[in-house]
C-alpha atoms as a PDB file:
ATOM      1  CA  MET A   1       4.357  13.302  -2.781  1.00  0.00           C
ATOM      2  CA  THR A   2       5.684  16.857  -2.391  1.00  0.00           C
ATOM      3  CA  TYR A   3       5.246  16.703   1.367  1.00  0.00           C
ATOM      4  CA  ALA A   4       6.716  13.196   1.649  1.00  0.00           C
ATOM      5  CA  THR A   5       9.850  13.910  -0.393  1.00  0.00           C
ATOM      6  CA  GLY A   6      10.326  17.490   0.789  1.00  0.00           C
ATOM      7  CA  ARG A   7      10.459  18.924  -2.720  1.00  0.00           C
ATOM      8  CA  ILE A   8       8.384  19.470  -5.837  1.00  0.00           C
ATOM      9  CA  PRO A   9       8.468  16.470  -8.221  1.00  0.00           C
ATOM     10  CA  ASN A  10      10.282  17.024 -11.516  1.00  0.00           C
ATOM     11  CA  TYR A  11       8.813  16.320 -14.965  1.00  0.00           C
ATOM     12  CA  VAL A  12       9.640  12.593 -15.032  1.00  0.00           C
ATOM     13  CA  GLU A  13       8.353  12.088 -11.488  1.00  0.00           C
ATOM     14  CA  ARG A  14       5.109  13.919 -12.306  1.00  0.00           C
ATOM     15  CA  LYS A  15       4.589  11.575 -15.260  1.00  0.00           C
ATOM     16  CA  GLU A  16       5.030   8.577 -12.940  1.00  0.00           C
ATOM     17  CA  ILE A  17       2.598  10.058 -10.407  1.00  0.00           C
ATOM     18  CA  ASN A  18       0.029  10.754 -13.128  1.00  0.00           C
ATOM     19  CA  ARG A  19       0.370   7.170 -14.390  1.00  0.00           C
ATOM     20  CA  ILE A  20      -0.161   5.782 -10.881  1.00  0.00           C
ATOM     21  CA  VAL A  21      -3.231   7.971 -10.289  1.00  0.00           C
ATOM     22  CA  THR A  22      -4.722   7.065 -13.688  1.00  0.00           C
ATOM     23  CA  GLU A  23      -4.206   3.338 -13.112  1.00  0.00           C
ATOM     24  CA  SER A  24      -5.783   3.563  -9.665  1.00  0.00           C
ATOM     25  CA  LEU A  25      -8.816   5.378 -11.040  1.00  0.00           C
ATOM     26  CA  GLU A  26      -9.225   2.899 -13.893  1.00  0.00           C
ATOM     27  CA  LYS A  27      -9.172  -0.011 -11.448  1.00  0.00           C
ATOM     28  CA  GLY A  28     -11.624   1.713  -9.100  1.00  0.00           C
ATOM     29  CA  GLU A  29      -9.190   1.612  -6.212  1.00  0.00           C
ATOM     30  CA  GLY A  30      -9.636   3.776  -3.136  1.00  0.00           C
ATOM     31  CA  PHE A  31      -7.391   6.268  -1.375  1.00  0.00           C
ATOM     32  CA  GLN A  32      -5.564   3.598   0.628  1.00  0.00           C
ATOM     33  CA  ASP A  33      -4.595   1.752  -2.535  1.00  0.00           C
ATOM     34  CA  LEU A  34      -3.436   4.985  -4.176  1.00  0.00           C
ATOM     35  CA  LEU A  35      -1.330   5.851  -1.155  1.00  0.00           C
ATOM     36  CA  LEU A  36       0.290   2.403  -1.155  1.00  0.00           C
ATOM     37  CA  ARG A  37       1.046   2.664  -4.882  1.00  0.00           C
ATOM     38  CA  LEU A  38       2.713   6.044  -4.350  1.00  0.00           C
ATOM     39  CA  ILE A  39       4.776   4.731  -1.423  1.00  0.00           C
ATOM     40  CA  GLU A  40       5.890   1.759  -3.533  1.00  0.00           C
ATOM     41  CA  SER A  41       6.807   3.983  -6.494  1.00  0.00           C
ATOM     42  CA  GLU A  42      10.350   4.525  -7.709  1.00  0.00           C
ATOM     43  CA  THR A  43      10.056   8.263  -7.029  1.00  0.00           C
ATOM     44  CA  PHE A  44       9.216   7.741  -3.364  1.00  0.00           C
ATOM     45  CA  GLY A  45      11.726   4.952  -2.879  1.00  0.00           C
ATOM     46  CA  THR A  46      14.690   6.885  -4.224  1.00  0.00           C
ATOM     47  CA  LYS A  47      14.133  10.195  -2.460  1.00  0.00           C
END
């Protein structure tokens, strides 16, 4: 996410990223699914 947005995520964005990663792990999703979730996130879409 840091590379994609060109900056270090702030506190709220880090919480969103952690939530996405946790949900992906709980569902047993792979890297592709995680990447898609991050791209579809509010953080990525607004930066």
